[in-house]
């Protein structure tokens, strides 16, 4: 695998946490919307199984909270999740400056 392809894979499908957390900042996101929203906003389509796994882990660690939205299972990013997202953005910005 070429370096650029490996980089793209690890910063997209290999790191879904940042994308999921960013979606839930401004509004409730229905679980069934997540893959499509990631595709629309970020340009790649993660698997539904991987999304479910990430949502479970984020919820169990307190980074998102689940609720009902329009009668469907949905989530929003908690303050703890927003802080983690801020840390990830800061790390990424610092890394880009070093490159």
N, C-alpha and C. Protein backbone atom coordinates (compact mmCIF):
# COMPACT_ATOMS: atom_id res chain seq x y z
N UNK A 1 0.85 -1.18 0.00
CA UNK A 1 0.00 0.00 0.00
C UNK A 1 0.89 1.24 0.00
N UNK A 2 0.54 2.19 -0.83
CA UNK A 2 1.31 3.43 -0.90
C UNK A 2 1.07 4.27 0.35
N UNK A 3 2.07 5.06 0.74
CA UNK A 3 1.94 5.86 1.96
C UNK A 3 0.67 6.74 1.99
N UNK A 4 0.32 7.38 0.88
CA UNK A 4 -0.86 8.25 0.90
C UNK A 4 -2.12 7.44 1.15
N UNK A 5 -2.23 6.26 0.57
CA UNK A 5 -3.41 5.42 0.78
C UNK A 5 -3.52 4.96 2.22
N UNK A 6 -2.39 4.59 2.80
CA UNK A 6 -2.38 4.18 4.20
C UNK A 6 -2.77 5.35 5.11
N UNK A 7 -2.26 6.53 4.79
CA UNK A 7 -2.59 7.72 5.58
C UNK A 7 -4.08 8.02 5.51
N UNK A 8 -4.64 7.97 4.32
CA UNK A 8 -6.07 8.23 4.15
C UNK A 8 -6.89 7.20 4.91
N UNK A 9 -6.53 5.94 4.82
CA UNK A 9 -7.27 4.88 5.51
C UNK A 9 -7.24 5.06 7.03
N UNK A 10 -6.07 5.38 7.57
CA UNK A 10 -5.96 5.49 9.02
C UNK A 10 -6.59 6.78 9.56
N UNK A 11 -6.68 7.81 8.74
CA UNK A 11 -7.28 9.06 9.22
C UNK A 11 -8.77 9.17 8.88
N UNK A 12 -9.31 8.18 8.21
CA UNK A 12 -10.75 8.17 7.92
C UNK A 12 -11.38 6.97 8.62
N UNK A 13 -11.46 5.86 7.93
CA UNK A 13 -12.11 4.66 8.49
C UNK A 13 -11.42 4.17 9.77
N UNK A 14 -10.15 4.38 9.87
CA UNK A 14 -9.39 3.94 11.03
C UNK A 14 -9.49 4.86 12.23
N UNK A 15 -10.21 5.96 12.08
CA UNK A 15 -10.31 6.93 13.17
C UNK A 15 -11.69 7.60 13.17
N UNK A 16 -12.72 6.78 13.23
CA UNK A 16 -14.09 7.29 13.13
C UNK A 16 -14.54 8.12 14.33
N UNK A 17 -13.88 7.98 15.45
CA UNK A 17 -14.29 8.68 16.66
C UNK A 17 -14.45 10.18 16.41
N UNK A 18 -13.47 10.78 15.78
CA UNK A 18 -13.49 12.22 15.57
C UNK A 18 -14.66 12.65 14.70
N UNK A 19 -14.99 11.86 13.70
CA UNK A 19 -16.08 12.19 12.79
C UNK A 19 -17.43 12.06 13.47
N UNK A 20 -17.61 11.00 14.25
CA UNK A 20 -18.87 10.79 14.96
C UNK A 20 -19.08 11.88 16.00
N UNK A 21 -18.05 12.18 16.77
CA UNK A 21 -18.17 13.24 17.78
C UNK A 21 -18.52 14.58 17.14
N UNK A 22 -17.92 14.89 16.01
CA UNK A 22 -18.17 16.18 15.37
C UNK A 22 -19.60 16.29 14.86
N UNK A 23 -20.19 15.19 14.44
CA UNK A 23 -21.57 15.23 13.95
C UNK A 23 -22.56 15.60 15.04
N UNK A 24 -22.33 15.11 16.25
CA UNK A 24 -23.29 15.30 17.33
C UNK A 24 -23.15 16.57 18.13
N UNK A 25 -22.34 17.49 17.69
CA UNK A 25 -22.13 18.73 18.45
C UNK A 25 -23.34 19.66 18.37
N UNK A 26 -23.86 19.88 17.18
CA UNK A 26 -24.88 20.90 17.00
C UNK A 26 -26.31 20.39 17.12
N UNK A 27 -26.53 19.07 16.91
CA UNK A 27 -27.89 18.55 16.96
C UNK A 27 -27.87 17.06 17.24
N UNK A 28 -29.05 16.52 17.50
CA UNK A 28 -29.17 15.08 17.69
C UNK A 28 -29.04 14.40 16.33
N UNK A 29 -28.32 13.31 16.30
CA UNK A 29 -28.09 12.58 15.06
C UNK A 29 -28.72 11.19 15.22
N UNK A 30 -29.61 10.84 14.33
CA UNK A 30 -30.17 9.51 14.36
C UNK A 30 -29.08 8.52 13.97
N UNK A 31 -29.04 7.39 14.68
CA UNK A 31 -28.01 6.39 14.43
C UNK A 31 -27.97 5.98 12.95
N UNK A 32 -29.15 5.86 12.35
CA UNK A 32 -29.21 5.41 10.96
C UNK A 32 -28.69 6.46 9.97
N UNK A 33 -28.50 7.69 10.41
CA UNK A 33 -28.00 8.77 9.56
C UNK A 33 -26.48 8.85 9.49
N UNK A 34 -25.81 8.26 10.45
CA UNK A 34 -24.38 8.52 10.65
C UNK A 34 -23.54 8.24 9.40
N UNK A 35 -23.66 7.06 8.83
CA UNK A 35 -22.84 6.73 7.66
C UNK A 35 -23.06 7.72 6.52
N UNK A 36 -24.31 8.02 6.23
CA UNK A 36 -24.62 8.96 5.15
C UNK A 36 -24.09 10.35 5.41
N UNK A 37 -24.21 10.82 6.65
CA UNK A 37 -23.69 12.14 6.99
C UNK A 37 -22.17 12.19 6.87
N UNK A 38 -21.51 11.13 7.30
CA UNK A 38 -20.05 11.08 7.15
C UNK A 38 -19.67 11.11 5.67
N UNK A 39 -20.40 10.37 4.86
CA UNK A 39 -20.13 10.39 3.43
C UNK A 39 -20.34 11.79 2.85
N UNK A 40 -21.47 12.41 3.18
CA UNK A 40 -21.78 13.74 2.65
C UNK A 40 -20.77 14.79 3.10
N UNK A 41 -20.40 14.75 4.37
CA UNK A 41 -19.54 15.80 4.92
C UNK A 41 -18.04 15.54 4.72
N UNK A 42 -17.64 14.25 4.81
CA UNK A 42 -16.20 13.95 4.81
C UNK A 42 -15.73 13.13 3.61
N UNK A 43 -16.67 12.60 2.82
CA UNK A 43 -16.29 11.95 1.56
C UNK A 43 -15.90 10.49 1.62
N UNK A 44 -16.23 9.79 2.68
CA UNK A 44 -16.00 8.34 2.72
C UNK A 44 -17.16 7.68 3.43
N UNK A 45 -17.37 6.41 3.14
CA UNK A 45 -18.53 5.69 3.66
C UNK A 45 -18.08 4.57 4.59
N UNK A 46 -18.23 4.76 5.90
CA UNK A 46 -17.84 3.71 6.85
C UNK A 46 -18.91 2.62 6.92
N UNK A 47 -18.51 1.46 7.37
CA UNK A 47 -19.45 0.35 7.49
C UNK A 47 -20.41 0.59 8.66
N UNK A 48 -21.61 0.07 8.53
CA UNK A 48 -22.62 0.22 9.58
C UNK A 48 -22.17 -0.50 10.86
N UNK A 49 -21.55 -1.65 10.73
CA UNK A 49 -21.08 -2.40 11.90
C UNK A 49 -20.04 -1.59 12.66
N UNK A 50 -19.13 -1.00 11.96
CA UNK A 50 -18.10 -0.19 12.61
C UNK A 50 -18.73 1.03 13.29
N UNK A 51 -19.70 1.65 12.66
CA UNK A 51 -20.40 2.79 13.26
C UNK A 51 -21.09 2.36 14.56
N UNK A 52 -21.78 1.23 14.54
CA UNK A 52 -22.46 0.74 15.75
C UNK A 52 -21.46 0.49 16.87
N UNK A 53 -20.32 -0.08 16.53
CA UNK A 53 -19.28 -0.34 17.53
C UNK A 53 -18.77 0.97 18.14
N UNK A 54 -18.50 1.94 17.29
CA UNK A 54 -18.00 3.24 17.75
C UNK A 54 -19.04 3.93 18.63
N UNK A 55 -20.31 3.92 18.21
CA UNK A 55 -21.37 4.54 19.01
C UNK A 55 -21.47 3.88 20.38
N UNK A 56 -21.38 2.55 20.43
CA UNK A 56 -21.44 1.83 21.70
C UNK A 56 -20.29 2.25 22.61
N UNK A 57 -19.09 2.29 22.06
CA UNK A 57 -17.92 2.65 22.87
C UNK A 57 -17.98 4.10 23.35
N UNK A 58 -18.37 5.00 22.46
CA UNK A 58 -18.47 6.42 22.85
C UNK A 58 -19.50 6.60 23.94
N UNK A 59 -20.62 5.91 23.83
CA UNK A 59 -21.67 6.03 24.85
C UNK A 59 -21.19 5.44 26.17
N UNK A 60 -20.59 4.25 26.14
CA UNK A 60 -20.18 3.60 27.38
C UNK A 60 -19.09 4.39 28.11
N UNK A 61 -18.35 5.22 27.39
CA UNK A 61 -17.31 6.03 28.01
C UNK A 61 -17.76 7.47 28.28
N UNK A 62 -19.03 7.78 27.99
CA UNK A 62 -19.58 9.08 28.32
C UNK A 62 -19.31 10.20 27.33
N UNK A 63 -18.87 9.88 26.13
CA UNK A 63 -18.57 10.91 25.13
C UNK A 63 -19.80 11.33 24.33
N UNK A 64 -20.80 10.44 24.29
CA UNK A 64 -22.08 10.79 23.67
C UNK A 64 -23.18 10.32 24.61
N UNK A 65 -24.36 10.89 24.43
CA UNK A 65 -25.53 10.41 25.16
C UNK A 65 -26.58 10.04 24.13
N UNK A 66 -27.32 8.99 24.42
CA UNK A 66 -28.35 8.55 23.50
C UNK A 66 -29.70 9.05 23.96
N UNK A 67 -30.56 9.26 23.01
CA UNK A 67 -31.90 9.74 23.26
C UNK A 67 -32.77 9.40 22.07
N UNK A 68 -34.01 9.72 22.16
CA UNK A 68 -34.93 9.54 21.03
C UNK A 68 -35.06 10.88 20.31
N UNK A 69 -35.00 10.82 18.99
CA UNK A 69 -35.18 12.00 18.16
C UNK A 69 -36.08 11.62 17.01
N UNK A 70 -37.21 12.27 16.92
CA UNK A 70 -38.22 11.93 15.91
C UNK A 70 -38.59 10.45 15.97
N UNK A 71 -38.67 9.93 17.20
CA UNK A 71 -39.07 8.54 17.41
C UNK A 71 -38.01 7.51 17.10
N UNK A 72 -36.79 7.93 16.80
CA UNK A 72 -35.71 7.02 16.45
C UNK A 72 -34.56 7.16 17.44
N UNK A 73 -33.76 6.12 17.56
CA UNK A 73 -32.57 6.15 18.41
C UNK A 73 -31.59 7.18 17.83
N UNK A 74 -31.10 8.06 18.70
CA UNK A 74 -30.22 9.13 18.25
C UNK A 74 -29.18 9.41 19.34
N UNK A 75 -28.21 10.26 19.02
CA UNK A 75 -27.18 10.63 19.99
C UNK A 75 -26.81 12.09 19.81
N UNK A 76 -26.20 12.62 20.86
CA UNK A 76 -25.57 13.94 20.78
C UNK A 76 -24.27 13.87 21.58
N UNK A 77 -23.35 14.74 21.24
CA UNK A 77 -22.04 14.76 21.88
C UNK A 77 -22.14 15.46 23.24
N UNK A 78 -21.59 14.84 24.27
CA UNK A 78 -21.60 15.42 25.61
C UNK A 78 -20.47 16.44 25.75
N UNK A 79 -20.46 17.14 26.87
CA UNK A 79 -19.36 18.08 27.13
C UNK A 79 -18.03 17.33 27.17
N UNK A 80 -18.03 16.14 27.72
CA UNK A 80 -16.81 15.32 27.75
C UNK A 80 -16.35 15.00 26.33
N UNK A 81 -17.30 14.68 25.46
CA UNK A 81 -16.98 14.39 24.06
C UNK A 81 -16.47 15.62 23.33
N UNK A 82 -17.07 16.77 23.62
CA UNK A 82 -16.62 18.02 22.99
C UNK A 82 -15.19 18.36 23.40
N UNK A 83 -14.87 18.08 24.66
CA UNK A 83 -13.50 18.32 25.13
C UNK A 83 -12.51 17.40 24.41
N UNK A 84 -12.88 16.14 24.24
CA UNK A 84 -12.01 15.21 23.51
C UNK A 84 -11.84 15.65 22.06
N UNK A 85 -12.91 16.10 21.45
CA UNK A 85 -12.83 16.58 20.07
C UNK A 85 -11.90 17.79 19.98
N UNK A 86 -12.00 18.69 20.95
CA UNK A 86 -11.10 19.85 20.99
C UNK A 86 -9.65 19.40 21.08
N UNK A 87 -9.38 18.40 21.92
CA UNK A 87 -8.01 17.88 22.06
C UNK A 87 -7.52 17.26 20.75
N UNK A 88 -8.40 16.53 20.06
CA UNK A 88 -8.02 15.91 18.79
C UNK A 88 -7.70 16.98 17.74
N UNK A 89 -8.52 18.03 17.70
CA UNK A 89 -8.27 19.12 16.74
C UNK A 89 -6.94 19.80 17.05
N UNK A 90 -6.69 20.06 18.32
CA UNK A 90 -5.44 20.71 18.72
C UNK A 90 -4.24 19.85 18.33
N UNK A 91 -4.32 18.56 18.61
CA UNK A 91 -3.23 17.65 18.25
C UNK A 91 -2.99 17.67 16.74
N UNK A 92 -4.07 17.64 15.96
CA UNK A 92 -3.95 17.62 14.51
C UNK A 92 -3.33 18.91 14.00
N UNK A 93 -3.75 20.04 14.54
CA UNK A 93 -3.17 21.33 14.14
C UNK A 93 -1.68 21.38 14.47
N UNK A 94 -1.30 20.90 15.64
CA UNK A 94 0.12 20.88 16.03
C UNK A 94 0.92 19.96 15.11
N UNK A 95 0.36 18.83 14.77
CA UNK A 95 1.04 17.90 13.88
C UNK A 95 1.24 18.52 12.50
N UNK A 96 0.22 19.18 11.99
CA UNK A 96 0.34 19.83 10.67
C UNK A 96 1.42 20.91 10.68
N UNK A 97 1.55 21.64 11.76
CA UNK A 97 2.60 22.67 11.86
C UNK A 97 3.98 22.03 11.83
N UNK A 98 4.10 20.85 12.43
CA UNK A 98 5.40 20.16 12.45
C UNK A 98 5.76 19.56 11.11
N UNK A 99 4.76 19.19 10.34
CA UNK A 99 5.03 18.60 9.02
C UNK A 99 5.44 19.68 8.05
